[in-house]
C-alpha atoms as a PDB file:
ATOM      1  CA  MET A   1      -2.927  10.582 -10.372  1.00  0.00           C
ATOM      2  CA  ARG A   2      -1.704   8.072  -7.529  1.00  0.00           C
ATOM      3  CA  PHE A   3      -3.779   4.762  -6.462  1.00  0.00           C
ATOM      4  CA  LEU A   4      -3.150   4.095  -2.309  1.00  0.00           C
ATOM      5  CA  PHE A   5      -4.270   1.445  -0.627  1.00  0.00           C
ATOM      6  CA  CYS A   6      -3.653   2.531   2.958  1.00  0.00           C
ATOM      7  CA  GLY A   7      -1.713   5.058   5.021  1.00  0.00           C
ATOM      8  CA  ALA A   8      -2.752   7.706   7.117  1.00  0.00           C
ATOM      9  CA  PHE A   9      -0.591   8.863   9.623  1.00  0.00           C
ATOM     10  CA  LEU A  10      -0.346  10.852  12.254  1.00  0.00           C
ATOM     11  CA  SER A  11      -0.440  14.768  11.627  1.00  0.00           C
ATOM     12  CA  MET A  12       2.322  17.163  13.187  1.00  0.00           C
ATOM     13  CA  PHE A  13       1.472  19.417  15.656  1.00  0.00           C
ATOM     14  CA  LEU A  14       3.734  22.127  16.560  1.00  0.00           C
ATOM     15  CA  ILE A  15       2.912  24.119  19.833  1.00  0.00           C
ATOM     16  CA  GLN A  16       5.146  26.035  22.107  1.00  0.00           C
ATOM     17  CA  ALA A  17       7.826  23.829  20.737  1.00  0.00           C
ATOM     18  CA  CYS A  18      11.486  24.662  21.984  1.00  0.00           C
ATOM     19  CA  ALA A  19      13.451  26.176  19.051  1.00  0.00           C
ATOM     20  CA  GLN A  20      16.024  23.330  19.219  1.00  0.00           C
ATOM     21  CA  ALA A  21      15.296  19.894  20.408  1.00  0.00           C
ATOM     22  CA  ASP A  22      17.051  18.717  23.349  1.00  0.00           C
ATOM     23  CA  ARG A  23      18.577  15.034  22.570  1.00  0.00           C
ATOM     24  CA  ARG A  24      18.511  13.766  26.440  1.00  0.00           C
ATOM     25  CA  ALA A  25      14.955  14.853  26.959  1.00  0.00           C
ATOM     26  CA  SER A  26      13.781  13.645  23.431  1.00  0.00           C
ATOM     27  CA  ASP A  27      15.493  10.150  24.159  1.00  0.00           C
ATOM     28  CA  ALA A  28      13.609   9.982  27.185  1.00  0.00           C
ATOM     29  CA  ALA A  29      10.638  10.748  25.600  1.00  0.00           C
ATOM     30  CA  ALA A  30      10.651   8.216  22.938  1.00  0.00           C
ATOM     31  CA  GLN A  31      11.791   5.501  25.082  1.00  0.00           C
ATOM     32  CA  ARG A  32       8.468   6.298  27.111  1.00  0.00           C
ATOM     33  CA  LEU A  33       6.775   6.397  23.979  1.00  0.00           C
ATOM     34  CA  LEU A  34       7.655   3.088  22.765  1.00  0.00           C
ATOM     35  CA  ARG A  35       7.069   1.595  26.227  1.00  0.00           C
ATOM     36  CA  GLN A  36       3.822   2.654  26.220  1.00  0.00           C
ATOM     37  CA  TYR A  37       2.864   2.217  22.716  1.00  0.00           C
ATOM     38  CA  ASN A  38       3.896  -1.739  23.296  1.00  0.00           C
ATOM     39  CA  ALA A  39       2.069  -2.312  25.986  1.00  0.00           C
ATOM     40  CA  GLY A  40      -1.062  -0.778  24.727  1.00  0.00           C
ATOM     41  CA  ALA A  41      -0.873   1.947  26.995  1.00  0.00           C
ATOM     42  CA  TYR A  42      -2.882   4.631  24.660  1.00  0.00           C
ATOM     43  CA  ASP A  43      -4.259   6.535  27.746  1.00  0.00           C
ATOM     44  CA  SER A  44      -0.643   7.088  29.158  1.00  0.00           C
ATOM     45  CA  ILE A  45       0.240   8.407  25.835  1.00  0.00           C
ATOM     46  CA  PHE A  46      -2.565  10.814  25.752  1.00  0.00           C
ATOM     47  CA  LEU A  47      -1.383  12.030  29.167  1.00  0.00           C
ATOM     48  CA  SER A  48       1.813  12.708  28.002  1.00  0.00           C
ATOM     49  CA  PHE A  49       0.739  15.386  25.435  1.00  0.00           C
ATOM     50  CA  ALA A  50       0.874  18.836  25.925  1.00  0.00           C
ATOM     51  CA  PRO A  51      -2.679  20.512  26.205  1.00  0.00           C
ATOM     52  CA  GLU A  52      -2.929  21.767  22.565  1.00  0.00           C
ATOM     53  CA  MET A  53      -1.990  18.519  21.555  1.00  0.00           C
ATOM     54  CA  GLN A  54      -4.603  16.710  23.415  1.00  0.00           C
ATOM     55  CA  GLN A  55      -7.125  19.165  22.344  1.00  0.00           C
ATOM     56  CA  ALA A  56      -6.055  19.030  18.727  1.00  0.00           C
ATOM     57  CA  LEU A  57      -6.170  14.986  19.237  1.00  0.00           C
ATOM     58  CA  PRO A  58      -8.496  13.659  21.849  1.00  0.00           C
ATOM     59  CA  LYS A  59      -8.551  10.864  24.008  1.00  0.00           C
ATOM     60  CA  PRO A  60     -10.488   8.479  21.909  1.00  0.00           C
ATOM     61  CA  ALA A  61      -8.892   9.388  18.825  1.00  0.00           C
ATOM     62  CA  THR A  62      -5.359   8.798  20.188  1.00  0.00           C
ATOM     63  CA  ALA A  63      -6.338   5.272  21.127  1.00  0.00           C
ATOM     64  CA  ASP A  64      -7.951   4.916  17.759  1.00  0.00           C
ATOM     65  CA  PHE A  65      -4.486   6.076  15.741  1.00  0.00           C
ATOM     66  CA  PHE A  66      -2.350   4.213  17.818  1.00  0.00           C
ATOM     67  CA  GLY A  67      -4.460   0.662  17.985  1.00  0.00           C
ATOM     68  CA  GLY A  68      -4.655   1.084  14.232  1.00  0.00           C
ATOM     69  CA  LEU A  69      -0.922   1.528  13.772  1.00  0.00           C
ATOM     70  CA  ARG A  70      -0.445  -1.574  15.989  1.00  0.00           C
ATOM     71  CA  LYS A  71      -3.202  -3.694  14.255  1.00  0.00           C
ATOM     72  CA  ASP A  72      -1.344  -2.801  11.255  1.00  0.00           C
ATOM     73  CA  ALA A  73       2.455  -2.755  11.900  1.00  0.00           C
ATOM     74  CA  GLY A  74       2.506  -4.828  15.475  1.00  0.00           C
ATOM     75  CA  LYS A  75       4.679  -3.720  17.773  1.00  0.00           C
ATOM     76  CA  ILE A  76       8.000  -1.741  17.738  1.00  0.00           C
ATOM     77  CA  THR A  77      11.010  -4.018  18.130  1.00  0.00           C
ATOM     78  CA  ALA A  78      13.834  -1.622  17.632  1.00  0.00           C
ATOM     79  CA  GLN A  79      14.401   2.268  17.624  1.00  0.00           C
ATOM     80  CA  GLN A  80      17.298   4.274  16.977  1.00  0.00           C
ATOM     81  CA  PHE A  81      18.217   7.975  16.997  1.00  0.00           C
ATOM     82  CA  VAL A  82      18.910   9.478  13.255  1.00  0.00           C
ATOM     83  CA  ARG A  83      19.396  13.182  13.858  1.00  0.00           C
ATOM     84  CA  ILE A  84      17.913  16.252  15.358  1.00  0.00           C
ATOM     85  CA  GLN A  85      16.026  18.527  12.592  1.00  0.00           C
ATOM     86  CA  GLY A  86      15.486  22.144  14.372  1.00  0.00           C
ATOM     87  CA  ALA A  87      12.594  21.393  17.299  1.00  0.00           C
ATOM     88  CA  ALA A  88      12.174  17.676  16.224  1.00  0.00           C
ATOM     89  CA  ALA A  89      14.425  14.994  17.111  1.00  0.00           C
ATOM     90  CA  ILE A  90      13.663  11.943  14.574  1.00  0.00           C
ATOM     91  CA  TYR A  91      13.830   8.187  15.248  1.00  0.00           C
ATOM     92  CA  ARG A  92      13.583   5.205  13.100  1.00  0.00           C
ATOM     93  CA  SER A  93      11.058   2.803  14.672  1.00  0.00           C
ATOM     94  CA  THR A  94      11.300  -0.849  13.382  1.00  0.00           C
ATOM     95  CA  TYR A  95       8.029  -2.754  13.983  1.00  0.00           C
ATOM     96  CA  GLU A  96       6.852  -6.068  13.348  1.00  0.00           C
ATOM     97  CA  ARG A  97       5.377  -5.088   9.897  1.00  0.00           C
ATOM     98  CA  GLY A  98       7.276  -2.294   8.662  1.00  0.00           C
ATOM     99  CA  ALA A  99       9.933   0.236   9.400  1.00  0.00           C
ATOM    100  CA  PHE A 100       8.586   4.048  10.145  1.00  0.00           C
ATOM    101  CA  LEU A 101      10.482   7.407  11.064  1.00  0.00           C
ATOM    102  CA  THR A 102       9.016   9.307  13.948  1.00  0.00           C
ATOM    103  CA  GLU A 103       9.278  13.184  14.788  1.00  0.00           C
ATOM    104  CA  LEU A 104       9.393  13.962  18.124  1.00  0.00           C
ATOM    105  CA  VAL A 105       8.925  17.767  18.993  1.00  0.00           C
ATOM    106  CA  LEU A 106       8.408  18.572  22.932  1.00  0.00           C
ATOM    107  CA  ALA A 107       7.067  21.524  24.799  1.00  0.00           C
ATOM    108  CA  ARG A 108       9.336  23.542  27.246  1.00  0.00           C
ATOM    109  CA  ASP A 109       7.886  21.470  29.947  1.00  0.00           C
ATOM    110  CA  GLY A 110       8.657  18.097  28.077  1.00  0.00           C
ATOM    111  CA  ARG A 111       5.445  17.467  27.068  1.00  0.00           C
ATOM    112  CA  ILE A 112       4.777  16.073  23.739  1.00  0.00           C
ATOM    113  CA  ALA A 113       3.941  19.075  21.618  1.00  0.00           C
ATOM    114  CA  GLY A 114       4.073  17.423  18.266  1.00  0.00           C
ATOM    115  CA  LEU A 115       4.317  13.783  16.636  1.00  0.00           C
ATOM    116  CA  LEU A 116       4.366  12.600  13.130  1.00  0.00           C
ATOM    117  CA  ILE A 117       4.925   9.081  12.336  1.00  0.00           C
ATOM    118  CA  LYS A 118       5.500   8.412   8.416  1.00  0.00           C
ATOM    119  CA  PRO A 119       7.070   5.112   6.567  1.00  0.00           C
ATOM    120  CA  ASP A 120      10.762   5.078   6.547  1.00  0.00           C
ATOM    121  CA  THR A 121      11.601   6.134   2.892  1.00  0.00           C
ATOM    122  CA  GLU A 122      15.165   6.596   4.114  1.00  0.00           C
ATOM    123  CA  ALA A 123      16.041   2.971   5.000  1.00  0.00           C
ATOM    124  CA  PRO A 124      17.147   0.518   2.407  1.00  0.00           C
ATOM    125  CA  LEU A 125      14.435  -1.783   1.137  1.00  0.00           C
ATOM    126  CA  PRO A 126      14.589  -5.263   1.300  1.00  0.00           C
ATOM    127  CA  VAL A 127      15.565  -7.781  -1.721  1.00  0.00           C
ATOM    128  CA  LEU A 128      12.209  -9.835  -2.622  1.00  0.00           C
ATOM    129  CA  PRO A 129      12.221 -13.192  -3.360  1.00  0.00           C
ATOM    130  CA  LYS A 130      11.565 -14.346  -7.152  1.00  0.00           C
ATOM    131  CA  ALA A 131       8.267 -15.983  -7.312  1.00  0.00           C
ATOM    132  CA  ARG A 132       8.170 -19.931  -8.025  1.00  0.00           C
ATOM    133  CA  THR A 133       4.537 -19.066  -9.718  1.00  0.00           C
ATOM    134  CA  LEU A 134       4.474 -19.188 -13.288  1.00  0.00           C
ATOM    135  CA  MET A 135       2.766 -15.939 -14.465  1.00  0.00           C
ATOM    136  CA  THR A 136       0.792 -15.120 -17.436  1.00  0.00           C
ATOM    137  CA  PHE A 137       0.104 -11.420 -18.306  1.00  0.00           C
ATOM    138  CA  PRO A 138      -4.125 -11.097 -17.195  1.00  0.00           C
ATOM    139  CA  LEU A 139      -5.167  -8.705 -19.831  1.00  0.00           C
ATOM    140  CA  SER A 140      -5.448  -8.217 -23.577  1.00  0.00           C
ATOM    141  CA  GLY A 141      -4.304  -5.096 -25.422  1.00  0.00           C
ATOM    142  CA  GLU A 142      -1.723  -2.602 -24.727  1.00  0.00           C
ATOM    143  CA  TRP A 143      -1.061  -1.879 -20.905  1.00  0.00           C
ATOM    144  CA  PHE A 144       0.859   1.114 -19.361  1.00  0.00           C
ATOM    145  CA  VAL A 145       2.721   0.435 -16.280  1.00  0.00           C
ATOM    146  CA  PHE A 146       2.089   3.218 -13.962  1.00  0.00           C
ATOM    147  CA  TRP A 147       3.789   1.829 -11.064  1.00  0.00           C
ATOM    148  CA  GLY A 148       6.098  -0.723 -10.964  1.00  0.00           C
ATOM    149  CA  GLY A 149       9.618  -1.660 -10.177  1.00  0.00           C
ATOM    150  CA  ASP A 150      11.903  -1.751  -7.191  1.00  0.00           C
ATOM    151  CA  THR A 151      12.730   1.847  -6.079  1.00  0.00           C
ATOM    152  CA  ARG A 152      10.619   4.281  -4.559  1.00  0.00           C
ATOM    153  CA  GLU A 153      10.922   6.747  -7.497  1.00  0.00           C
ATOM    154  CA  GLN A 154       9.170   3.385  -9.698  1.00  0.00           C
ATOM    155  CA  ASN A 155       6.848   2.088  -7.440  1.00  0.00           C
ATOM    156  CA  TYR A 156       5.404   3.917  -4.560  1.00  0.00           C
ATOM    157  CA  HIS A 157       3.594   0.482  -3.154  1.00  0.00           C
ATOM    158  CA  VAL A 158       7.801  -0.330  -2.194  1.00  0.00           C
ATOM    159  CA  VAL A 159       6.750   1.016   1.547  1.00  0.00           C
ATOM    160  CA  ALA A 160       4.198  -1.189   2.264  1.00  0.00           C
ATOM    161  CA  PRO A 161       5.532  -4.829   2.960  1.00  0.00           C
ATOM    162  CA  ALA A 162       3.051  -7.179   1.373  1.00  0.00           C
ATOM    163  CA  GLN A 163       2.669  -5.035  -1.667  1.00  0.00           C
ATOM    164  CA  GLN A 164       6.564  -4.099  -2.503  1.00  0.00           C
ATOM    165  CA  GLY A 165       6.557  -5.854  -5.897  1.00  0.00           C
ATOM    166  CA  ALA A 166       2.725  -4.592  -6.808  1.00  0.00           C
ATOM    167  CA  PHE A 167       1.975  -3.369 -10.429  1.00  0.00           C
ATOM    168  CA  ASP A 168      -0.781  -0.896 -11.399  1.00  0.00           C
ATOM    169  CA  PHE A 169      -1.694  -1.305 -15.162  1.00  0.00           C
ATOM    170  CA  VAL A 170      -3.668   1.605 -17.064  1.00  0.00           C
ATOM    171  CA  MET A 171      -4.629   1.461 -20.457  1.00  0.00           C
ATOM    172  CA  ARG A 172      -3.838   4.499 -22.598  1.00  0.00           C
ATOM    173  CA  GLY A 173      -5.344   6.112 -25.830  1.00  0.00           C
ATOM    174  CA  PRO A 174      -3.594   7.510 -28.813  1.00  0.00           C
ATOM    175  CA  ASP A 175      -3.232  10.863 -27.031  1.00  0.00           C
ATOM    176  CA  ARG A 176      -1.544   8.637 -24.037  1.00  0.00           C
ATOM    177  CA  ARG A 177      -4.071   9.545 -21.596  1.00  0.00           C
ATOM    178  CA  SER A 178      -5.982   6.975 -19.896  1.00  0.00           C
ATOM    179  CA  PHE A 179      -9.824   7.892 -20.500  1.00  0.00           C
ATOM    180  CA  ARG A 180     -11.378  10.033 -23.206  1.00  0.00           C
ATOM    181  CA  THR A 181     -13.356  12.989 -23.517  1.00  0.00           C
ATOM    182  CA  ASN A 182     -12.772  14.752 -19.830  1.00  0.00           C
ATOM    183  CA  GLY A 183     -12.511  11.599 -17.498  1.00  0.00           C
ATOM    184  CA  ALA A 184     -15.532  12.660 -15.393  1.00  0.00           C
ATOM    185  CA  ARG A 185     -17.282   8.983 -15.609  1.00  0.00           C
ATOM    186  CA  ASN A 186     -15.397   5.528 -15.410  1.00  0.00           C
ATOM    187  CA  GLU A 187     -16.792   4.546 -18.893  1.00  0.00           C
ATOM    188  CA  ASP A 188     -14.515   7.472 -20.063  1.00  0.00           C
ATOM    189  CA  PHE A 189     -11.381   5.216 -18.914  1.00  0.00           C
ATOM    190  CA  TYR A 190     -10.148   2.840 -21.864  1.00  0.00           C
ATOM    191  CA  ALA A 191      -9.308   0.371 -18.698  1.00  0.00           C
ATOM    192  CA  PHE A 192     -12.860   0.251 -17.276  1.00  0.00           C
ATOM    193  CA  GLY A 193     -14.461  -3.075 -18.249  1.00  0.00           C
ATOM    194  CA  GLN A 194     -11.688  -4.897 -19.724  1.00  0.00           C
ATOM    195  CA  PRO A 195     -11.607  -8.404 -19.421  1.00  0.00           C
ATOM    196  CA  LEU A 196      -9.396  -9.772 -16.534  1.00  0.00           C
ATOM    197  CA  LEU A 197      -8.252 -13.442 -16.801  1.00  0.00           C
ATOM    198  CA  ALA A 198      -6.271 -15.715 -14.422  1.00  0.00           C
ATOM    199  CA  PRO A 199      -2.553 -15.422 -14.271  1.00  0.00           C
ATOM    200  CA  CYS A 200      -1.955 -18.971 -13.076  1.00  0.00           C
ATOM    201  CA  ASP A 201      -3.190 -22.043 -11.989  1.00  0.00           C
ATOM    202  CA  GLY A 202      -4.681 -22.318  -8.151  1.00  0.00           C
ATOM    203  CA  GLU A 203      -7.567 -22.155  -5.993  1.00  0.00           C
ATOM    204  CA  VAL A 204      -9.619 -19.090  -5.394  1.00  0.00           C
ATOM    205  CA  VAL A 205      -9.077 -18.128  -1.568  1.00  0.00           C
ATOM    206  CA  LEU A 206     -10.908 -14.738  -1.589  1.00  0.00           C
ATOM    207  CA  ALA A 207     -13.294 -13.338  -3.899  1.00  0.00           C
ATOM    208  CA  THR A 208     -15.337 -10.248  -3.085  1.00  0.00           C
ATOM    209  CA  ASP A 209     -18.261  -8.403  -5.211  1.00  0.00           C
ATOM    210  CA  GLY A 210     -20.897  -5.821  -4.510  1.00  0.00           C
ATOM    211  CA  ILE A 211     -18.344  -3.053  -4.024  1.00  0.00           C
ATOM    212  CA  ALA A 212     -19.730   0.162  -5.566  1.00  0.00           C
ATOM    213  CA  ASP A 213     -17.105   1.401  -8.590  1.00  0.00           C
ATOM    214  CA  ASN A 214     -16.079   5.090  -7.288  1.00  0.00           C
ATOM    215  CA  VAL A 215     -16.488   8.399  -9.440  1.00  0.00           C
ATOM    216  CA  PRO A 216     -12.891   9.033 -10.814  1.00  0.00           C
ATOM    217  CA  GLY A 217     -10.765  10.731  -8.205  1.00  0.00           C
ATOM    218  CA  VAL A 218     -12.601   9.785  -5.398  1.00  0.00           C
ATOM    219  CA  MET A 219     -11.447   6.842  -3.202  1.00  0.00           C
ATOM    220  CA  ASN A 220     -13.216   4.476  -0.888  1.00  0.00           C
ATOM    221  CA  ALA A 221     -10.416   3.734   1.953  1.00  0.00           C
ATOM    222  CA  GLN A 222     -12.631   1.946   3.927  1.00  0.00           C
ATOM    223  CA  THR A 223     -12.492  -1.277   1.545  1.00  0.00           C
ATOM    224  CA  PRO A 224      -9.248  -0.617   0.045  1.00  0.00           C
ATOM    225  CA  LEU A 225      -8.949  -3.602  -2.413  1.00  0.00           C
ATOM    226  CA  GLY A 226     -12.370  -3.305  -3.509  1.00  0.00           C
ATOM    227  CA  ASN A 227     -14.024  -6.227  -5.441  1.00  0.00           C
ATOM    228  CA  ALA A 228     -11.120  -8.439  -5.379  1.00  0.00           C
ATOM    229  CA  VAL A 229     -10.025 -12.049  -6.114  1.00  0.00           C
ATOM    230  CA  VAL A 230      -7.060 -13.743  -4.363  1.00  0.00           C
ATOM    231  CA  ILE A 231      -5.731 -17.194  -5.828  1.00  0.00           C
ATOM    232  CA  ARG A 232      -3.611 -19.500  -4.257  1.00  0.00           C
ATOM    233  CA  SER A 233      -0.993 -20.873  -6.648  1.00  0.00           C
ATOM    234  CA  ASP A 234       0.093 -24.257  -7.102  1.00  0.00           C
ATOM    235  CA  ALA A 235       3.559 -22.819  -5.647  1.00  0.00           C
ATOM    236  CA  GLY A 236       1.441 -21.816  -2.547  1.00  0.00           C
ATOM    237  CA  GLU A 237       2.000 -18.211  -3.385  1.00  0.00           C
ATOM    238  CA  TYR A 238      -0.888 -15.459  -3.473  1.00  0.00           C
ATOM    239  CA  VAL A 239      -1.472 -13.849  -6.102  1.00  0.00           C
ATOM    240  CA  VAL A 240      -4.002 -10.285  -5.219  1.00  0.00           C
ATOM    241  CA  LEU A 241      -5.766  -8.706  -7.960  1.00  0.00           C
ATOM    242  CA  ALA A 242      -7.917  -5.673  -6.921  1.00  0.00           C
ATOM    243  CA  HIS A 243     -10.212  -2.998  -8.064  1.00  0.00           C
ATOM    244  CA  PHE A 244     -12.803  -5.263 -10.211  1.00  0.00           C
ATOM    245  CA  ARG A 245     -15.992  -3.953 -11.586  1.00  0.00           C
ATOM    246  CA  ARG A 246     -18.462  -4.225  -9.592  1.00  0.00           C
ATOM    247  CA  GLY A 247     -20.890  -7.204 -10.607  1.00  0.00           C
ATOM    248  CA  THR A 248     -18.515  -8.690 -12.975  1.00  0.00           C
ATOM    249  CA  VAL A 249     -16.313 -11.304 -10.276  1.00  0.00           C
ATOM    250  CA  ALA A 250     -17.045 -14.498 -11.555  1.00  0.00           C
ATOM    251  CA  VAL A 251     -15.258 -17.127  -9.632  1.00  0.00           C
ATOM    252  CA  LYS A 252     -16.010 -18.366  -6.013  1.00  0.00           C
ATOM    253  CA  ARG A 253     -13.850 -19.004  -3.059  1.00  0.00           C
ATOM    254  CA  GLY A 254     -12.829 -22.532  -3.298  1.00  0.00           C
ATOM    255  CA  GLN A 255     -13.101 -22.601  -7.034  1.00  0.00           C
ATOM    256  CA  ARG A 256     -10.030 -24.103  -9.083  1.00  0.00           C
ATOM    257  CA  VAL A 257      -8.680 -21.920 -11.912  1.00  0.00           C
ATOM    258  CA  LYS A 258      -6.851 -22.331 -15.053  1.00  0.00           C
ATOM    259  CA  ALA A 259      -4.509 -19.783 -16.334  1.00  0.00           C
ATOM    260  CA  GLY A 260      -6.337 -17.981 -18.841  1.00  0.00           C
ATOM    261  CA  MET A 261      -9.995 -18.073 -17.296  1.00  0.00           C
ATOM    262  CA  ARG A 262     -11.977 -15.155 -16.850  1.00  0.00           C
ATOM    263  CA  LEU A 263     -12.246 -13.724 -13.152  1.00  0.00           C
ATOM    264  CA  GLY A 264     -14.180 -10.638 -14.190  1.00  0.00           C
ATOM    265  CA  ALA A 265     -13.367  -7.146 -15.580  1.00  0.00           C
ATOM    266  CA  VAL A 266     -11.326  -4.273 -14.661  1.00  0.00           C
ATOM    267  CA  GLY A 267     -12.724  -1.382 -12.596  1.00  0.00           C
ATOM    268  CA  ASN A 268     -12.611   1.238  -9.977  1.00  0.00           C
ATOM    269  CA  SER A 269     -13.812  -0.158  -6.653  1.00  0.00           C
ATOM    270  CA  GLY A 270     -11.961   0.164  -3.327  1.00  0.00           C
ATOM    271  CA  ASN A 271      -9.058   2.874  -2.629  1.00  0.00           C
ATOM    272  CA  SER A 272      -8.584   3.602  -6.403  1.00  0.00           C
ATOM    273  CA  SER A 273      -8.633   6.914  -7.906  1.00  0.00           C
ATOM    274  CA  GLU A 274      -9.515   5.481 -11.494  1.00  0.00           C
ATOM    275  CA  PRO A 275     -10.365   1.973 -13.236  1.00  0.00           C
ATOM    276  CA  HIS A 276      -6.898  -0.085 -13.438  1.00  0.00           C
ATOM    277  CA  LEU A 277      -5.920  -3.525 -12.463  1.00  0.00           C
ATOM    278  CA  HIS A 278      -3.688  -3.913  -9.006  1.00  0.00           C
ATOM    279  CA  LEU A 279      -1.529  -7.008  -8.690  1.00  0.00           C
ATOM    280  CA  HIS A 280       0.806  -8.343  -6.322  1.00  0.00           C
ATOM    281  CA  LEU A 281       1.934 -11.517  -5.141  1.00  0.00           C
ATOM    282  CA  GLN A 282       2.491 -12.125  -1.352  1.00  0.00           C
ATOM    283  CA  ASP A 283       3.749 -15.356   0.708  1.00  0.00           C
ATOM    284  CA  LYS A 284       0.840 -15.415   3.242  1.00  0.00           C
ATOM    285  CA  PRO A 285      -2.909 -14.979   2.675  1.00  0.00           C
ATOM    286  CA  ASP A 286      -3.070 -12.620   5.692  1.00  0.00           C
ATOM    287  CA  PRO A 287      -1.959  -9.027   4.187  1.00  0.00           C
ATOM    288  CA  GLN A 288      -1.083  -7.868   7.486  1.00  0.00           C
ATOM    289  CA  THR A 289       1.698  -9.988   7.710  1.00  0.00           C
ATOM    290  CA  ALA A 290       2.676 -11.308   4.233  1.00  0.00           C
ATOM    291  CA  ARG A 291       5.654 -10.128   2.699  1.00  0.00           C
ATOM    292  CA  GLY A 292       5.939  -9.423  -1.020  1.00  0.00           C
ATOM    293  CA  ILE A 293       7.209 -11.333  -3.885  1.00  0.00           C
ATOM    294  CA  LYS A 294       8.668 -10.379  -6.912  1.00  0.00           C
ATOM    295  CA  CYS A 295       6.403 -11.145  -9.884  1.00  0.00           C
ATOM    296  CA  TYR A 296       7.456 -12.363 -13.549  1.00  0.00           C
ATOM    297  CA  PHE A 297       5.543 -12.764 -16.518  1.00  0.00           C
ATOM    298  CA  ARG A 298       6.921 -15.813 -18.724  1.00  0.00           C
ATOM    299  CA  MET A 299       6.421 -14.054 -21.973  1.00  0.00           C
ATOM    300  CA  LEU A 300       5.583 -10.067 -22.774  1.00  0.00           C
ATOM    301  CA  GLN A 301       5.987  -7.789 -25.657  1.00  0.00           C
ATOM    302  CA  VAL A 302       7.659  -4.759 -23.760  1.00  0.00           C
ATOM    303  CA  ASN A 303       7.714  -1.545 -25.601  1.00  0.00           C
ATOM    304  CA  GLY A 304       7.432  -3.591 -29.093  1.00  0.00           C
ATOM    305  CA  ALA A 305      10.179  -6.347 -28.220  1.00  0.00           C
ATOM    306  CA  ALA A 306       9.471 -10.097 -27.025  1.00  0.00           C
ATOM    307  CA  ARG A 307      10.840 -10.382 -23.473  1.00  0.00           C
ATOM    308  CA  THR A 308      10.690 -13.590 -21.437  1.00  0.00           C
ATOM    309  CA  ASP A 309      10.422 -13.932 -17.661  1.00  0.00           C
ATOM    310  CA  TYR A 310       9.949 -10.428 -17.501  1.00  0.00           C
ATOM    311  CA  SER A 311       9.143  -8.299 -13.755  1.00  0.00           C
ATOM    312  CA  PRO A 312       7.713  -4.748 -15.415  1.00  0.00           C
ATOM    313  CA  VAL A 313       8.500  -1.279 -14.384  1.00  0.00           C
ATOM    314  CA  ARG A 314       7.087   1.882 -14.172  1.00  0.00           C
ATOM    315  CA  GLY A 315       7.013   3.318 -17.715  1.00  0.00           C
ATOM    316  CA  ASP A 316       6.872   0.439 -19.816  1.00  0.00           C
ATOM    317  CA  ARG A 317       4.216  -0.297 -22.526  1.00  0.00           C
ATOM    318  CA  ILE A 318       3.329  -4.098 -22.011  1.00  0.00           C
ATOM    319  CA  ARG A 319       0.853  -6.607 -23.578  1.00  0.00           C
ATOM    320  CA  ARG A 320       0.929 -10.324 -23.727  1.00  0.00           C
ATOM    321  CA  GLU A 321       2.873 -12.364 -26.318  1.00  0.00           C
END
């Protein structure tokens, strides 16, 4: 099981590539690609592709991909060579809103025969600031932390700057599964429909409802958050709660909420593979420019023991104290 918000990256095409990458030619191609990308010259990028690459990724698809990357990640601010790996030259590219690895393969005539752009899982992760917002766990009963923590192994969200400190919470039954019967329906999942409460005092700045809940295992990448509520806390931080059940969001934009007030019910809307709660804090309202904040809950039972001011990690069993 894996919950995804976003991230379709350009696939690799290896077509008539040299047996071993040439560093000088690769450096020149990488710098040219950087300049074209930052200038928004997507037609020029397409013209730099080998014919088979152009066929595999036509001009409109090239523009869509790089335009979407520019919108999500911004311009490239720095780029450095990492290594040669067979036919590919690998570069670390720092964007305005993230870091990615670019694997570049050249055809014998110097045109681009293969390109892979993916999140940089080799770079050290930034240390998140601790939240100023005092948080109360927003769910009743015992919940399992499916994703949470500071490392890539604990938390796949860490590659997304705004979601670096995110959690995914599921509810499990006596057999440690998250669903009854065969899990074919949302109603089979213990989390589905569970009351979801405000974790802090603040003002609702986003309240979205009306998006259908997914069939388990099928995700809706067009509306990643699904039905969602975002609260601007009194400390000026933004609490994002996502994947509500359709028709249950009980608050409106501009409404003042207090910790413990009902917001809605856990669902399976948006880019979600099964009913669960996604929660994270960020420093700005716009997820494209925001940075994550490390969230701590004031009082919790963690694996049967009382904890205060605690930030859950993958594998924890937690409940509100």
